[in-house]
PDB file of N, CA and C in Angstrom:
ATOM      1  N   UNK A   1     154.448 136.885 108.132  1.00  0.00           N
ATOM      2  CA  UNK A   1     155.189 137.685 107.674  1.00  0.00           C
ATOM      3  C   UNK A   1     154.896 138.316 106.245  1.00  0.00           C
ATOM      4  N   UNK A   2     155.016 139.062 105.862  1.00  0.00           N
ATOM      5  CA  UNK A   2     154.519 139.315 104.541  1.00  0.00           C
ATOM      6  C   UNK A   2     155.900 139.625 103.423  1.00  0.00           C
ATOM      7  N   UNK A   3     155.697 138.979 102.200  1.00  0.00           N
ATOM      8  CA  UNK A   3     156.409 139.293 101.176  1.00  0.00           C
ATOM      9  C   UNK A   3     156.705 139.801 100.699  1.00  0.00           C
ATOM     10  N   UNK A   4     157.464 140.546  99.575  1.00  0.00           N
ATOM     11  CA  UNK A   4     157.370 141.581  98.760  1.00  0.00           C
ATOM     12  C   UNK A   4     156.558 140.900  97.243  1.00  0.00           C
ATOM     13  N   UNK A   5     156.244 141.305  96.185  1.00  0.00           N
ATOM     14  CA  UNK A   5     155.598 140.884  94.818  1.00  0.00           C
ATOM     15  C   UNK A   5     156.401 140.183  94.503  1.00  0.00           C
ATOM     16  N   UNK A   6     157.864 141.221  94.745  1.00  0.00           N
ATOM     17  CA  UNK A   6     158.933 140.233  93.646  1.00  0.00           C
ATOM     18  C   UNK A   6     159.439 138.672  94.161  1.00  0.00           C
ATOM     19  N   UNK A   7     159.120 139.002  95.164  1.00  0.00           N
ATOM     20  CA  UNK A   7     159.521 137.956  96.465  1.00  0.00           C
ATOM     21  C   UNK A   7     158.781 136.477  96.303  1.00  0.00           C
ATOM     22  N   UNK A   8     157.501 136.758  95.796  1.00  0.00           N
ATOM     23  CA  UNK A   8     156.354 135.993  95.242  1.00  0.00           C
ATOM     24  C   UNK A   8     156.424 135.679  93.917  1.00  0.00           C
ATOM     25  N   UNK A   9     156.834 136.446  93.534  1.00  0.00           N
ATOM     26  CA  UNK A   9     156.658 136.211  91.822  1.00  0.00           C
ATOM     27  C   UNK A   9     157.710 135.385  91.954  1.00  0.00           C
ATOM     28  N   UNK A  10     158.806 135.120  92.061  1.00  0.00           N
ATOM     29  CA  UNK A  10     159.759 134.496  92.151  1.00  0.00           C
ATOM     30  C   UNK A  10     159.439 132.677  92.729  1.00  0.00           C
ATOM     31  N   UNK A  11     159.152 132.938  93.991  1.00  0.00           N
ATOM     32  CA  UNK A  11     159.006 131.669  94.617  1.00  0.00           C
ATOM     33  C   UNK A  11     157.585 130.711  93.977  1.00  0.00           C
ATOM     34  N   UNK A  12     157.473 131.888  93.190  1.00  0.00           N
ATOM     35  CA  UNK A  12     155.659 130.764  92.536  1.00  0.00           C
ATOM     36  C   UNK A  12     156.357 130.651  91.613  1.00  0.00           C
ATOM     37  N   UNK A  13     156.991 130.805  90.281  1.00  0.00           N
ATOM     38  CA  UNK A  13     157.483 131.422  89.019  1.00  0.00           C
ATOM     39  C   UNK A  13     159.090 130.999  88.901  1.00  0.00           C
ATOM     40  N   UNK A  14     159.472 130.351  89.167  1.00  0.00           N
ATOM     41  CA  UNK A  14     161.294 130.311  89.773  1.00  0.00           C
ATOM     42  C   UNK A  14     161.711 130.284  88.147  1.00  0.00           C
ATOM     43  N   UNK A  15     162.886 130.895  87.850  1.00  0.00           N
ATOM     44  CA  UNK A  15     163.133 131.252  86.844  1.00  0.00           C
ATOM     45  C   UNK A  15     164.563 130.281  86.475  1.00  0.00           C
ATOM     46  N   UNK A  16     164.229 129.882  85.802  1.00  0.00           N
ATOM     47  CA  UNK A  16     165.940 128.742  85.551  1.00  0.00           C
ATOM     48  C   UNK A  16     166.413 127.785  86.689  1.00  0.00           C
ATOM     49  N   UNK A  17     165.556 127.328  87.200  1.00  0.00           N
ATOM     50  CA  UNK A  17     165.671 126.185  88.099  1.00  0.00           C
ATOM     51  C   UNK A  17     165.828 124.612  87.154  1.00  0.00           C
ATOM     52  N   UNK A  18     166.694 123.813  87.729  1.00  0.00           N
ATOM     53  CA  UNK A  18     167.651 122.833  87.036  1.00  0.00           C
ATOM     54  C   UNK A  18     169.045 122.860  87.561  1.00  0.00           C
ATOM     55  N   UNK A  19     169.590 121.795  86.477  1.00  0.00           N
ATOM     56  CA  UNK A  19     171.111 121.431  86.489  1.00  0.00           C
ATOM     57  C   UNK A  19     171.810 121.748  84.908  1.00  0.00           C
ATOM     58  N   UNK A  20     173.107 122.185  85.369  1.00  0.00           N
ATOM     59  CA  UNK A  20     174.105 122.068  84.354  1.00  0.00           C
ATOM     60  C   UNK A  20     174.472 121.041  84.330  1.00  0.00           C
ATOM     61  N   UNK A  21     175.273 120.161  83.556  1.00  0.00           N
ATOM     62  CA  UNK A  21     176.191 119.085  83.525  1.00  0.00           C
ATOM     63  C   UNK A  21     177.459 119.479  83.930  1.00  0.00           C
ATOM     64  N   UNK A  22     177.996 119.211  85.242  1.00  0.00           N
ATOM     65  CA  UNK A  22     179.057 119.407  85.961  1.00  0.00           C
ATOM     66  C   UNK A  22     180.531 119.052  85.723  1.00  0.00           C
ATOM     67  N   UNK A  23     180.604 117.846  84.984  1.00  0.00           N
ATOM     68  CA  UNK A  23     181.275 117.621  84.347  1.00  0.00           C
ATOM     69  C   UNK A  23     182.443 118.801  82.934  1.00  0.00           C
ATOM     70  N   UNK A  24     181.333 118.973  82.598  1.00  0.00           N
ATOM     71  CA  UNK A  24     182.041 120.306  80.964  1.00  0.00           C
ATOM     72  C   UNK A  24     182.480 121.003  81.857  1.00  0.00           C
ATOM     73  N   UNK A  25     184.054 121.723  81.047  1.00  0.00           N
ATOM     74  CA  UNK A  25     184.897 122.297  82.137  1.00  0.00           C
ATOM     75  C   UNK A  25     184.106 123.772  81.199  1.00  0.00           C
ATOM     76  N   UNK A  26     183.540 124.268  80.720  1.00  0.00           N
ATOM     77  CA  UNK A  26     182.707 125.395  80.838  1.00  0.00           C
ATOM     78  C   UNK A  26     181.645 125.752  81.762  1.00  0.00           C
ATOM     79  N   UNK A  27     181.971 124.697  82.795  1.00  0.00           N
ATOM     80  CA  UNK A  27     180.180 125.012  83.777  1.00  0.00           C
ATOM     81  C   UNK A  27     180.978 125.214  84.798  1.00  0.00           C
ATOM     82  N   UNK A  28     180.632 125.901  85.917  1.00  0.00           N
ATOM     83  CA  UNK A  28     181.096 125.997  86.804  1.00  0.00           C
ATOM     84  C   UNK A  28     179.728 125.972  88.325  1.00  0.00           C
ATOM     85  N   UNK A  29     180.300 125.380  89.680  1.00  0.00           N
ATOM     86  CA  UNK A  29     179.225 124.879  89.987  1.00  0.00           C
ATOM     87  C   UNK A  29     179.382 124.944  91.737  1.00  0.00           C
ATOM     88  N   UNK A  30     178.657 125.982  92.316  1.00  0.00           N
ATOM     89  CA  UNK A  30     178.865 126.180  93.931  1.00  0.00           C
ATOM     90  C   UNK A  30     177.462 125.976  94.634  1.00  0.00           C
ATOM     91  N   UNK A  31     177.857 125.855  95.457  1.00  0.00           N
ATOM     92  CA  UNK A  31     176.642 125.592  96.905  1.00  0.00           C
ATOM     93  C   UNK A  31     177.176 126.347  97.835  1.00  0.00           C
ATOM     94  N   UNK A  32     176.216 126.787  98.535  1.00  0.00           N
ATOM     95  CA  UNK A  32     175.907 127.878 100.069  1.00  0.00           C
ATOM     96  C   UNK A  32     174.881 127.152 101.345  1.00  0.00           C
ATOM     97  N   UNK A  33     175.434 126.795 102.093  1.00  0.00           N
ATOM     98  CA  UNK A  33     174.319 127.003 103.225  1.00  0.00           C
ATOM     99  C   UNK A  33     174.536 125.381 102.979  1.00  0.00           C
ATOM    100  N   UNK A  34     173.467 124.674 104.276  1.00  0.00           N
ATOM    101  CA  UNK A  34     173.344 123.113 104.470  1.00  0.00           C
ATOM    102  C   UNK A  34     171.843 123.033 104.807  1.00  0.00           C
ATOM    103  N   UNK A  35     171.821 121.024 104.448  1.00  0.00           N
ATOM    104  CA  UNK A  35     170.456 121.330 105.123  1.00  0.00           C
ATOM    105  C   UNK A  35     170.094 121.799 106.844  1.00  0.00           C
ATOM    106  N   UNK A  36     171.225 121.065 107.448  1.00  0.00           N
ATOM    107  CA  UNK A  36     170.933 121.135 108.850  1.00  0.00           C
ATOM    108  C   UNK A  36     170.741 122.709 109.025  1.00  0.00           C
ATOM    109  N   UNK A  37     171.366 123.873 108.634  1.00  0.00           N
ATOM    110  CA  UNK A  37     170.936 124.919 108.855  1.00  0.00           C
ATOM    111  C   UNK A  37     169.505 125.671 107.943  1.00  0.00           C
ATOM    112  N   UNK A  38     168.586 124.581 107.587  1.00  0.00           N
ATOM    113  CA  UNK A  38     167.747 125.038 106.940  1.00  0.00           C
ATOM    114  C   UNK A  38     167.433 125.619 105.584  1.00  0.00           C
ATOM    115  N   UNK A  39     168.525 125.247 104.908  1.00  0.00           N
ATOM    116  CA  UNK A  39     168.654 126.531 103.463  1.00  0.00           C
ATOM    117  C   UNK A  39     170.266 125.940 103.019  1.00  0.00           C
ATOM    118  N   UNK A  40     169.570 125.640 101.626  1.00  0.00           N
ATOM    119  CA  UNK A  40     171.255 125.548 100.736  1.00  0.00           C
ATOM    120  C   UNK A  40     170.803 125.592  98.933  1.00  0.00           C
ATOM    121  N   UNK A  41     171.442 126.076  98.442  1.00  0.00           N
ATOM    122  CA  UNK A  41     170.880 126.686  97.239  1.00  0.00           C
ATOM    123  C   UNK A  41     172.894 126.373  96.497  1.00  0.00           C
ATOM    124  N   UNK A  42     172.330 125.681  95.345  1.00  0.00           N
ATOM    125  CA  UNK A  42     173.321 124.946  94.418  1.00  0.00           C
ATOM    126  C   UNK A  42     173.027 126.066  93.516  1.00  0.00           C
ATOM    127  N   UNK A  43     174.112 126.679  92.779  1.00  0.00           N
ATOM    128  CA  UNK A  43     174.192 127.628  91.433  1.00  0.00           C
ATOM    129  C   UNK A  43     175.018 127.045  91.002  1.00  0.00           C
ATOM    130  N   UNK A  44     174.496 126.942  88.780  1.00  0.00           N
ATOM    131  CA  UNK A  44     175.680 126.522  88.749  1.00  0.00           C
ATOM    132  C   UNK A  44     175.713 127.786  87.223  1.00  0.00           C
ATOM    133  N   UNK A  45     176.863 127.971  86.548  1.00  0.00           N
ATOM    134  CA  UNK A  45     176.976 129.153  85.553  1.00  0.00           C
ATOM    135  C   UNK A  45     177.586 128.483  84.452  1.00  0.00           C
ATOM    136  N   UNK A  46     176.943 128.591  83.022  1.00  0.00           N
ATOM    137  CA  UNK A  46     177.647 128.059  81.881  1.00  0.00           C
ATOM    138  C   UNK A  46     178.432 128.685  81.113  1.00  0.00           C
ATOM    139  N   UNK A  47     179.657 128.984  81.021  1.00  0.00           N
ATOM    140  CA  UNK A  47     180.312 130.572  80.348  1.00  0.00           C
ATOM    141  C   UNK A  47     180.868 130.304  79.322  1.00  0.00           C
ATOM    142  N   UNK A  48     179.937 131.243  77.886  1.00  0.00           N
ATOM    143  CA  UNK A  48     180.000 131.600  76.803  1.00  0.00           C
ATOM    144  C   UNK A  48     181.826 131.418  75.922  1.00  0.00           C
ATOM    145  N   UNK A  49     182.484 131.410  75.047  1.00  0.00           N
ATOM    146  CA  UNK A  49     183.857 131.615  74.557  1.00  0.00           C
ATOM    147  C   UNK A  49     183.824 133.044  75.080  1.00  0.00           C
ATOM    148  N   UNK A  50     183.025 134.404  74.926  1.00  0.00           N
ATOM    149  CA  UNK A  50     183.326 135.702  75.079  1.00  0.00           C
ATOM    150  C   UNK A  50     183.575 136.358  76.582  1.00  0.00           C
ATOM    151  N   UNK A  51     183.491 134.931  77.423  1.00  0.00           N
ATOM    152  CA  UNK A  51     183.570 134.827  78.875  1.00  0.00           C
ATOM    153  C   UNK A  51     182.115 135.597  79.697  1.00  0.00           C
ATOM    154  N   UNK A  52     181.448 135.723  78.978  1.00  0.00           N
ATOM    155  CA  UNK A  52     180.063 135.683  79.268  1.00  0.00           C
ATOM    156  C   UNK A  52     178.863 134.359  79.781  1.00  0.00           C
ATOM    157  N   UNK A  53     178.506 134.510  80.973  1.00  0.00           N
ATOM    158  CA  UNK A  53     177.781 134.009  81.265  1.00  0.00           C
ATOM    159  C   UNK A  53     176.281 133.795  80.175  1.00  0.00           C
ATOM    160  N   UNK A  54     176.285 132.014  79.612  1.00  0.00           N
ATOM    161  CA  UNK A  54     175.437 132.233  78.991  1.00  0.00           C
ATOM    162  C   UNK A  54     173.954 131.522  79.293  1.00  0.00           C
ATOM    163  N   UNK A  55     174.704 130.500  80.292  1.00  0.00           N
ATOM    164  CA  UNK A  55     173.847 129.905  81.199  1.00  0.00           C
ATOM    165  C   UNK A  55     173.299 129.860  82.504  1.00  0.00           C
ATOM    166  N   UNK A  56     172.556 129.672  83.418  1.00  0.00           N
ATOM    167  CA  UNK A  56     172.257 129.828  84.855  1.00  0.00           C
ATOM    168  C   UNK A  56     171.053 129.377  85.157  1.00  0.00           C
ATOM    169  N   UNK A  57     171.692 128.156  86.143  1.00  0.00           N
ATOM    170  CA  UNK A  57     170.469 127.228  86.772  1.00  0.00           C
ATOM    171  C   UNK A  57     170.962 127.045  88.711  1.00  0.00           C
ATOM    172  N   UNK A  58     169.965 126.814  88.926  1.00  0.00           N
ATOM    173  CA  UNK A  58     169.921 126.525  90.198  1.00  0.00           C
ATOM    174  C   UNK A  58     168.736 125.413  91.226  1.00  0.00           C
ATOM    175  N   UNK A  59     168.950 125.380  92.190  1.00  0.00           N
ATOM    176  CA  UNK A  59     168.273 124.445  92.565  1.00  0.00           C
ATOM    177  C   UNK A  59     168.172 124.520  94.147  1.00  0.00           C
ATOM    178  N   UNK A  60     167.283 124.958  94.898  1.00  0.00           N
ATOM    179  CA  UNK A  60     167.381 125.393  96.668  1.00  0.00           C
ATOM    180  C   UNK A  60     166.470 124.900  97.551  1.00  0.00           C
ATOM    181  N   UNK A  61     167.269 124.679  98.524  1.00  0.00           N
ATOM    182  CA  UNK A  61     166.191 124.088  99.799  1.00  0.00           C
ATOM    183  C   UNK A  61     166.173 125.497 100.952  1.00  0.00           C
ATOM    184  N   UNK A  62     164.349 125.711 101.330  1.00  0.00           N
ATOM    185  CA  UNK A  62     164.797 126.387 101.963  1.00  0.00           C
ATOM    186  C   UNK A  62     163.092 127.070 101.591  1.00  0.00           C
ATOM    187  N   UNK A  63     163.159 128.782 102.177  1.00  0.00           N
ATOM    188  CA  UNK A  63     162.101 128.813 102.546  1.00  0.00           C
ATOM    189  C   UNK A  63     162.020 129.959 101.281  1.00  0.00           C
ATOM    190  N   UNK A  64     160.597 130.458 100.861  1.00  0.00           N
ATOM    191  CA  UNK A  64     160.610 131.650  99.511  1.00  0.00           C
ATOM    192  C   UNK A  64     161.624 132.350  99.385  1.00  0.00           C
ATOM    193  N   UNK A  65     162.225 132.915 100.559  1.00  0.00           N
ATOM    194  CA  UNK A  65     163.235 134.204  99.983  1.00  0.00           C
ATOM    195  C   UNK A  65     164.042 133.228  99.492  1.00  0.00           C
ATOM    196  N   UNK A  66     164.980 132.091 100.104  1.00  0.00           N
ATOM    197  CA  UNK A  66     166.073 131.626  99.394  1.00  0.00           C
ATOM    198  C   UNK A  66     165.355 131.464  98.024  1.00  0.00           C
ATOM    199  N   UNK A  67     164.636 130.432  97.179  1.00  0.00           N
ATOM    200  CA  UNK A  67     164.092 130.667  96.294  1.00  0.00           C
ATOM    201  C   UNK A  67     164.235 131.696  95.238  1.00  0.00           C
ATOM    202  N   UNK A  68     163.495 132.752  95.839  1.00  0.00           N
ATOM    203  CA  UNK A  68     163.434 133.812  95.537  1.00  0.00           C
ATOM    204  C   UNK A  68     165.166 134.405  95.063  1.00  0.00           C
ATOM    205  N   UNK A  69     166.017 134.302  96.189  1.00  0.00           N
ATOM    206  CA  UNK A  69     167.127 135.348  95.500  1.00  0.00           C
ATOM    207  C   UNK A  69     167.729 133.950  94.785  1.00  0.00           C
ATOM    208  N   UNK A  70     167.382 132.778  95.224  1.00  0.00           N
ATOM    209  CA  UNK A  70     168.378 132.039  93.864  1.00  0.00           C
ATOM    210  C   UNK A  70     167.955 132.740  92.389  1.00  0.00           C
ATOM    211  N   UNK A  71     166.588 132.683  91.928  1.00  0.00           N
ATOM    212  CA  UNK A  71     166.167 132.617  90.669  1.00  0.00           C
ATOM    213  C   UNK A  71     166.154 133.621  90.295  1.00  0.00           C
ATOM    214  N   UNK A  72     166.346 134.744  91.352  1.00  0.00           N
ATOM    215  CA  UNK A  72     166.725 136.499  90.853  1.00  0.00           C
ATOM    216  C   UNK A  72     168.380 136.587  90.077  1.00  0.00           C
ATOM    217  N   UNK A  73     169.158 136.030  90.965  1.00  0.00           N
ATOM    218  CA  UNK A  73     170.245 135.803  90.739  1.00  0.00           C
ATOM    219  C   UNK A  73     171.096 135.213  88.857  1.00  0.00           C
ATOM    220  N   UNK A  74     170.156 134.239  89.217  1.00  0.00           N
ATOM    221  CA  UNK A  74     169.868 133.563  87.518  1.00  0.00           C
ATOM    222  C   UNK A  74     169.990 134.619  86.305  1.00  0.00           C
ATOM    223  N   UNK A  75     169.020 135.169  86.909  1.00  0.00           N
ATOM    224  CA  UNK A  75     168.596 135.730  86.060  1.00  0.00           C
ATOM    225  C   UNK A  75     168.944 137.124  85.481  1.00  0.00           C
ATOM    226  N   UNK A  76     170.049 137.941  86.826  1.00  0.00           N
ATOM    227  CA  UNK A  76     171.385 138.353  86.871  1.00  0.00           C
ATOM    228  C   UNK A  76     172.320 138.232  86.097  1.00  0.00           C
ATOM    229  N   UNK A  77     172.849 136.914  86.464  1.00  0.00           N
ATOM    230  CA  UNK A  77     173.912 136.159  85.610  1.00  0.00           C
ATOM    231  C   UNK A  77     173.768 135.801  84.634  1.00  0.00           C
ATOM    232  N   UNK A  78     172.587 135.557  83.790  1.00  0.00           N
ATOM    233  CA  UNK A  78     172.843 135.216  82.454  1.00  0.00           C
ATOM    234  C   UNK A  78     172.722 136.361  81.682  1.00  0.00           C
ATOM    235  N   UNK A  79     174.125 136.606  80.328  1.00  0.00           N
ATOM    236  CA  UNK A  79     173.982 137.520  79.831  1.00  0.00           C
ATOM    237  C   UNK A  79     175.157 138.576  80.475  1.00  0.00           C
ATOM    238  N   UNK A  80     176.157 138.203  81.470  1.00  0.00           N
ATOM    239  CA  UNK A  80     176.391 139.056  82.591  1.00  0.00           C
ATOM    240  C   UNK A  80     178.188 138.315  82.056  1.00  0.00           C
ATOM    241  N   UNK A  81     178.958 139.071  81.887  1.00  0.00           N
ATOM    242  CA  UNK A  81     180.409 138.788  82.379  1.00  0.00           C
ATOM    243  C   UNK A  81     180.826 138.486  83.736  1.00  0.00           C
ATOM    244  N   UNK A  82     181.994 137.729  83.893  1.00  0.00           N
ATOM    245  CA  UNK A  82     182.570 137.356  85.276  1.00  0.00           C
ATOM    246  C   UNK A  82     182.664 138.251  86.125  1.00  0.00           C
ATOM    247  N   UNK A  83     183.004 138.646  85.886  1.00  0.00           N
ATOM    248  CA  UNK A  83     184.107 140.288  86.736  1.00  0.00           C
ATOM    249  C   UNK A  83     182.723 140.563  87.363  1.00  0.00           C
ATOM    250  N   UNK A  84     181.465 141.323  86.549  1.00  0.00           N
ATOM    251  CA  UNK A  84     180.178 142.088  86.824  1.00  0.00           C
ATOM    252  C   UNK A  84     179.427 141.069  87.684  1.00  0.00           C
ATOM    253  N   UNK A  85     179.609 139.599  87.019  1.00  0.00           N
ATOM    254  CA  UNK A  85     179.136 138.275  88.108  1.00  0.00           C
ATOM    255  C   UNK A  85     179.716 137.999  89.465  1.00  0.00           C
ATOM    256  N   UNK A  86     181.017 138.645  89.652  1.00  0.00           N
ATOM    257  CA  UNK A  86     181.989 138.284  91.076  1.00  0.00           C
ATOM    258  C   UNK A  86     181.653 139.398  91.512  1.00  0.00           C
ATOM    259  N   UNK A  87     181.080 140.426  91.293  1.00  0.00           N
ATOM    260  CA  UNK A  87     180.615 141.814  92.662  1.00  0.00           C
ATOM    261  C   UNK A  87     179.204 141.977  92.675  1.00  0.00           C
ATOM    262  N   UNK A  88     178.051 140.357  92.520  1.00  0.00           N
ATOM    263  CA  UNK A  88     176.711 140.778  93.373  1.00  0.00           C
ATOM    264  C   UNK A  88     177.466 140.437  93.776  1.00  0.00           C
ATOM    265  N   UNK A  89     176.103 141.541  95.291  1.00  0.00           N
ATOM    266  CA  UNK A  89     176.282 140.959  96.269  1.00  0.00           C
ATOM    267  C   UNK A  89     175.014 140.911  97.392  1.00  0.00           C
ATOM    268  N   UNK A  90     175.067 140.318  98.348  1.00  0.00           N
ATOM    269  CA  UNK A  90     173.846 140.216  98.981  1.00  0.00           C
ATOM    270  C   UNK A  90     173.025 141.576  99.214  1.00  0.00           C
ATOM    271  N   UNK A  91     173.531 142.558  99.038  1.00  0.00           N
ATOM    272  CA  UNK A  91     172.939 143.873  99.125  1.00  0.00           C
ATOM    273  C   UNK A  91     172.093 144.161  97.901  1.00  0.00           C
ATOM    274  N   UNK A  92     172.687 143.704  96.938  1.00  0.00           N
ATOM    275  CA  UNK A  92     172.042 144.031  95.308  1.00  0.00           C
ATOM    276  C   UNK A  92     170.140 143.090  96.036  1.00  0.00           C
ATOM    277  N   UNK A  93     170.630 141.793  96.674  1.00  0.00           N
ATOM    278  CA  UNK A  93     169.591 140.905  96.154  1.00  0.00           C
ATOM    279  C   UNK A  93     168.280 141.031  97.459  1.00  0.00           C
ATOM    280  N   UNK A  94     168.995 141.965  98.773  1.00  0.00           N
ATOM    281  CA  UNK A  94     168.218 142.793  99.404  1.00  0.00           C
ATOM    282  C   UNK A  94     167.539 143.523  99.658  1.00  0.00           C
ATOM    283  N   UNK A  95     167.711 144.698  98.441  1.00  0.00           N
ATOM    284  CA  UNK A  95     167.231 145.665  97.789  1.00  0.00           C
ATOM    285  C   UNK A  95     166.012 145.332  96.541  1.00  0.00           C
ATOM    286  N   UNK A  96     166.937 144.267  95.770  1.00  0.00           N
ATOM    287  CA  UNK A  96     165.688 143.948  94.941  1.00  0.00           C
ATOM    288  C   UNK A  96     164.493 143.331  95.209  1.00  0.00           C
ATOM    289  N   UNK A  97     164.904 142.539  96.345  1.00  0.00           N
ATOM    290  CA  UNK A  97     163.842 141.913  96.850  1.00  0.00           C
ATOM    291  C   UNK A  97     163.247 142.169  97.714  1.00  0.00           C
ATOM    292  N   UNK A  98     163.479 143.403  98.359  1.00  0.00           N
ATOM    293  CA  UNK A  98     163.025 143.815  99.520  1.00  0.00           C
ATOM    294  C   UNK A  98     162.352 142.853 101.045  1.00  0.00           C
ATOM    295  N   UNK A  99     164.155 141.950 100.663  1.00  0.00           N
ATOM    296  CA  UNK A  99     163.511 140.942 102.218  1.00  0.00           C
ATOM    297  C   UNK A  99     163.734 141.939 103.265  1.00  0.00           C
ATOM    298  N   UNK A 100     163.122 141.542 104.338  1.00  0.00           N
ATOM    299  CA  UNK A 100     163.276 141.427 105.858  1.00  0.00           C
ATOM    300  C   UNK A 100     164.443 141.546 106.382  1.00  0.00           C
ATOM    301  N   UNK A 101     165.069 141.903 107.297  1.00  0.00           N
ATOM    302  CA  UNK A 101     166.583 141.861 107.864  1.00  0.00           C
ATOM    303  C   UNK A 101     166.594 140.115 108.486  1.00  0.00           C
ATOM    304  N   UNK A 102     165.767 139.799 109.081  1.00  0.00           N
ATOM    305  CA  UNK A 102     164.871 138.496 109.254  1.00  0.00           C
ATOM    306  C   UNK A 102     165.625 137.394 108.654  1.00  0.00           C
ATOM    307  N   UNK A 103     165.666 137.932 106.770  1.00  0.00           N
ATOM    308  CA  UNK A 103     165.731 136.778 106.015  1.00  0.00           C
ATOM    309  C   UNK A 103     166.801 137.314 104.555  1.00  0.00           C
ATOM    310  N   UNK A 104     168.156 137.826 105.663  1.00  0.00           N
ATOM    311  CA  UNK A 104     169.036 138.739 105.238  1.00  0.00           C
ATOM    312  C   UNK A 104     169.995 137.479 104.580  1.00  0.00           C
ATOM    313  N   UNK A 105     170.323 136.487 104.914  1.00  0.00           N
ATOM    314  CA  UNK A 105     171.162 135.354 105.052  1.00  0.00           C
ATOM    315  C   UNK A 105     170.507 134.672 103.768  1.00  0.00           C
ATOM    316  N   UNK A 106     169.191 134.497 103.502  1.00  0.00           N
ATOM    317  CA  UNK A 106     168.870 134.101 101.831  1.00  0.00           C
ATOM    318  C   UNK A 106     169.439 135.087 100.778  1.00  0.00           C
ATOM    319  N   UNK A 107     169.695 135.757 101.271  1.00  0.00           N
ATOM    320  CA  UNK A 107     170.585 137.046  99.722  1.00  0.00           C
ATOM    321  C   UNK A 107     172.511 136.468  99.641  1.00  0.00           C
ATOM    322  N   UNK A 108     172.362 136.671 101.359  1.00  0.00           N
ATOM    323  CA  UNK A 108     174.124 136.027 101.269  1.00  0.00           C
ATOM    324  C   UNK A 108     174.448 134.506 100.951  1.00  0.00           C
ATOM    325  N   UNK A 109     173.334 133.887 101.206  1.00  0.00           N
ATOM    326  CA  UNK A 109     173.347 132.634 100.281  1.00  0.00           C
ATOM    327  C   UNK A 109     173.340 132.243  99.085  1.00  0.00           C
ATOM    328  N   UNK A 110     172.712 133.285  97.717  1.00  0.00           N
ATOM    329  CA  UNK A 110     172.374 134.062  96.906  1.00  0.00           C
ATOM    330  C   UNK A 110     174.485 134.128  96.402  1.00  0.00           C
ATOM    331  N   UNK A 111     174.839 134.970  97.478  1.00  0.00           N
ATOM    332  CA  UNK A 111     175.741 135.536  97.018  1.00  0.00           C
ATOM    333  C   UNK A 111     176.618 134.497  97.223  1.00  0.00           C
ATOM    334  N   UNK A 112     177.222 133.627  97.993  1.00  0.00           N
ATOM    335  CA  UNK A 112     178.221 132.860  98.267  1.00  0.00           C
ATOM    336  C   UNK A 112     177.932 131.725  97.123  1.00  0.00           C
ATOM    337  N   UNK A 113     176.879 131.627  96.768  1.00  0.00           N
ATOM    338  CA  UNK A 113     176.902 130.275  95.714  1.00  0.00           C
ATOM    339  C   UNK A 113     177.759 130.754  94.378  1.00  0.00           C
ATOM    340  N   UNK A 114     177.239 131.820  94.056  1.00  0.00           N
ATOM    341  CA  UNK A 114     177.620 132.319  92.941  1.00  0.00           C
ATOM    342  C   UNK A 114     179.340 132.802  93.171  1.00  0.00           C
ATOM    343  N   UNK A 115     179.802 133.161  94.107  1.00  0.00           N
ATOM    344  CA  UNK A 115     181.449 133.192  94.125  1.00  0.00           C
ATOM    345  C   UNK A 115     182.163 131.949  93.966  1.00  0.00           C
ATOM    346  N   UNK A 116     180.875 130.949  94.612  1.00  0.00           N
ATOM    347  CA  UNK A 116     181.653 129.427  94.984  1.00  0.00           C
ATOM    348  C   UNK A 116     181.180 128.894  93.150  1.00  0.00           C
ATOM    349  N   UNK A 117     180.896 129.049  92.541  1.00  0.00           N
ATOM    350  CA  UNK A 117     180.474 129.008  90.948  1.00  0.00           C
ATOM    351  C   UNK A 117     181.477 129.211  90.217  1.00  0.00           C
ATOM    352  N   UNK A 118     181.978 130.406  90.382  1.00  0.00           N
ATOM    353  CA  UNK A 118     182.696 131.190  89.481  1.00  0.00           C
ATOM    354  C   UNK A 118     184.209 130.553  89.849  1.00  0.00           C
ATOM    355  N   UNK A 119     184.413 130.894  91.051  1.00  0.00           N
ATOM    356  CA  UNK A 119     185.584 129.830  91.789  1.00  0.00           C
ATOM    357  C   UNK A 119     185.682 128.575  90.936  1.00  0.00           C
ATOM    358  N   UNK A 120     184.566 127.270  90.723  1.00  0.00           N
ATOM    359  CA  UNK A 120     184.972 126.517  90.554  1.00  0.00           C
ATOM    360  C   UNK A 120     185.280 126.880  89.061  1.00  0.00           C
ATOM    361  N   UNK A 121     184.280 127.860  88.314  1.00  0.00           N
ATOM    362  CA  UNK A 121     184.787 127.682  86.893  1.00  0.00           C
ATOM    363  C   UNK A 121     186.447 127.758  86.726  1.00  0.00           C
ATOM    364  N   UNK A 122     186.867 128.837  87.503  1.00  0.00           N
ATOM    365  CA  UNK A 122     188.482 129.553  87.325  1.00  0.00           C
ATOM    366  C   UNK A 122     189.358 128.383  87.515  1.00  0.00           C
ATOM    367  N   UNK A 123     188.114 127.350  88.732  1.00  0.00           N
ATOM    368  CA  UNK A 123     190.118 126.418  88.800  1.00  0.00           C
ATOM    369  C   UNK A 123     190.271 125.733  88.045  1.00  0.00           C
ATOM    370  N   UNK A 124     188.500 124.979  87.187  1.00  0.00           N
ATOM    371  CA  UNK A 124     188.988 123.893  85.610  1.00  0.00           C
ATOM    372  C   UNK A 124     189.512 124.603  84.280  1.00  0.00           C
ATOM    373  N   UNK A 125     189.371 126.122  84.720  1.00  0.00           N
ATOM    374  CA  UNK A 125     190.607 126.494  83.673  1.00  0.00           C
ATOM    375  C   UNK A 125     191.705 126.958  83.767  1.00  0.00           C
ATOM    376  N   UNK A 126     192.229 126.470  85.448  1.00  0.00           N
ATOM    377  CA  UNK A 126     193.539 126.548  84.975  1.00  0.00           C
ATOM    378  C   UNK A 126     194.310 125.070  84.949  1.00  0.00           C
ATOM    379  N   UNK A 127     192.802 124.298  84.891  1.00  0.00           N
ATOM    380  CA  UNK A 127     193.450 122.581  84.784  1.00  0.00           C
ATOM    381  C   UNK A 127     194.152 122.409  83.893  1.00  0.00           C
TER     382      UNK A 127
END
């Protein structure tokens, strides 16, 4: 399968790979997928006092498209406010990475991980 230059760039040189401390109250952690299904994305956001995402980190297990979608997600998240981040969807990742239809699930994992991380952060703020 031929991948776009954007997929290859993120796969070969992932941006913002790593972790943040999930115990911190300003860090939200989300995970989507499973090893049994063949792909997992764990995404974390650190929200600043002004409500913008200051840092985003990811870890991914799966194909190059999964890694590329998670890497691109962290780039888009950094500097975004939570409301803007919450509307990022898989279609935007599919378009930006020129993913073939068979790899659309990779973009869906990124979207689901973002939603879970935002939800985790918001739950921490209500505690």
